[in-house]
């Protein structure tokens, strides 16, 4: 199997007490509760080990949560891959 190690980063802004989940291709990677106020953002660092192919990276509010999220600046900082502004990731060999 030809697995690749990829690092994806993006910026997340939220409102007080909003909760969100980070998904990669329908696999839950993490869940967080926003605690930093509206004047801050987090730079999420997502480590992925996967075979070449297409994947979807998404960050979503937890169902039933009233907070709001803004996700921007997706980029690949390590590995042979490309990602667009919608979180569509393509890992190359």
Protein backbone atom coordinates (compact mmCIF):
# COMPACT_ATOMS: atom_id res chain seq x y z
CA UNK A 1 0.00 0.00 0.00
CA UNK A 2 1.27 3.43 -0.98
CA UNK A 3 0.30 5.68 1.94
CA UNK A 4 1.17 9.38 1.96
CA UNK A 5 1.62 11.63 5.00
CA UNK A 6 -0.15 14.95 4.48
CA UNK A 7 -0.58 18.01 6.70
CA UNK A 8 -3.59 20.24 5.99
CA UNK A 9 -4.04 23.57 7.76
CA UNK A 10 -6.95 26.02 7.86
CA UNK A 11 -8.17 28.94 9.94
CA UNK A 12 -11.32 28.58 12.06
CA UNK A 13 -13.24 31.42 13.70
CA UNK A 14 -16.23 30.87 15.95
CA UNK A 15 -18.61 32.47 18.37
CA UNK A 16 -18.62 31.81 22.10
CA UNK A 17 -19.45 28.23 23.06
CA UNK A 18 -19.86 26.97 19.50
CA UNK A 19 -18.79 23.37 19.05
CA UNK A 20 -17.39 21.93 15.87
CA UNK A 21 -16.11 18.70 14.37
CA UNK A 22 -13.28 18.07 11.92
CA UNK A 23 -14.02 15.32 9.38
CA UNK A 24 -11.84 13.75 6.72
CA UNK A 25 -13.71 11.59 4.23
CA UNK A 26 -16.49 10.72 6.73
CA UNK A 27 -14.03 9.91 9.53
CA UNK A 28 -14.26 12.07 12.65
CA UNK A 29 -10.81 13.44 13.49
CA UNK A 30 -11.67 15.72 16.42
CA UNK A 31 -14.34 17.75 18.19
CA UNK A 32 -13.70 21.09 19.86
CA UNK A 33 -15.60 23.69 21.87
CA UNK A 34 -14.81 27.29 20.94
CA UNK A 35 -13.55 29.18 24.02
CA UNK A 36 -11.56 32.08 22.63
CA UNK A 37 -14.09 34.78 21.73
CA UNK A 38 -14.81 36.38 18.38
CA UNK A 39 -11.52 38.32 18.13
CA UNK A 40 -9.41 35.17 17.74
CA UNK A 41 -8.99 32.29 15.33
CA UNK A 42 -7.46 28.83 15.53
CA UNK A 43 -5.15 27.38 12.95
CA UNK A 44 -6.26 23.77 12.71
CA UNK A 45 -3.48 21.33 11.80
CA UNK A 46 -4.84 18.05 10.43
CA UNK A 47 -2.42 15.16 9.98
CA UNK A 48 -3.63 12.65 7.39
CA UNK A 49 -2.10 9.32 6.38
CA UNK A 50 -3.92 7.99 3.34
CA UNK A 51 -3.50 6.42 -0.06
CA UNK A 52 -3.48 8.66 -3.13
CA UNK A 53 -7.00 9.71 -4.07
CA UNK A 54 -9.68 12.33 -3.46
CA UNK A 55 -10.92 13.17 0.02
CA UNK A 56 -13.19 15.76 1.58
CA UNK A 57 -11.97 17.74 4.60
CA UNK A 58 -14.82 19.49 6.35
CA UNK A 59 -15.35 21.40 9.55
CA UNK A 60 -18.95 21.56 10.72
CA UNK A 61 -20.91 22.76 13.70
CA UNK A 62 -22.16 20.00 15.99
CA UNK A 63 -25.85 19.37 15.19
CA UNK A 64 -28.10 21.40 17.47
CA UNK A 65 -25.36 23.91 18.29
CA UNK A 66 -26.34 27.57 17.93
CA UNK A 67 -22.82 28.91 17.37
CA UNK A 68 -21.45 29.98 14.00
CA UNK A 69 -18.20 29.03 12.29
CA UNK A 70 -16.09 30.53 9.56
CA UNK A 71 -13.47 28.29 7.91
CA UNK A 72 -10.93 29.70 5.46
CA UNK A 73 -7.41 29.43 4.10
CA UNK A 74 -7.19 25.68 3.52
CA UNK A 75 -3.64 24.73 2.50
CA UNK A 76 -1.38 21.69 2.34
CA UNK A 77 1.82 22.39 4.27
CA UNK A 78 3.42 18.96 3.97
CA UNK A 79 3.15 16.15 1.46
CA UNK A 80 2.16 15.68 -2.18
CA UNK A 81 -1.40 16.97 -2.30
CA UNK A 82 -3.60 19.89 -3.28
CA UNK A 83 -6.67 21.29 -1.54
CA UNK A 84 -9.18 23.87 -2.71
CA UNK A 85 -11.10 26.48 -0.71
CA UNK A 86 -14.00 24.04 -0.21
CA UNK A 87 -11.82 21.38 1.43
CA UNK A 88 -11.57 19.02 -1.55
CA UNK A 89 -8.22 17.27 -1.11
CA UNK A 90 -6.39 15.31 -3.78
CA UNK A 91 -3.43 13.23 -2.62
CA UNK A 92 -0.99 12.36 -5.39
CA UNK A 93 1.61 9.64 -5.42
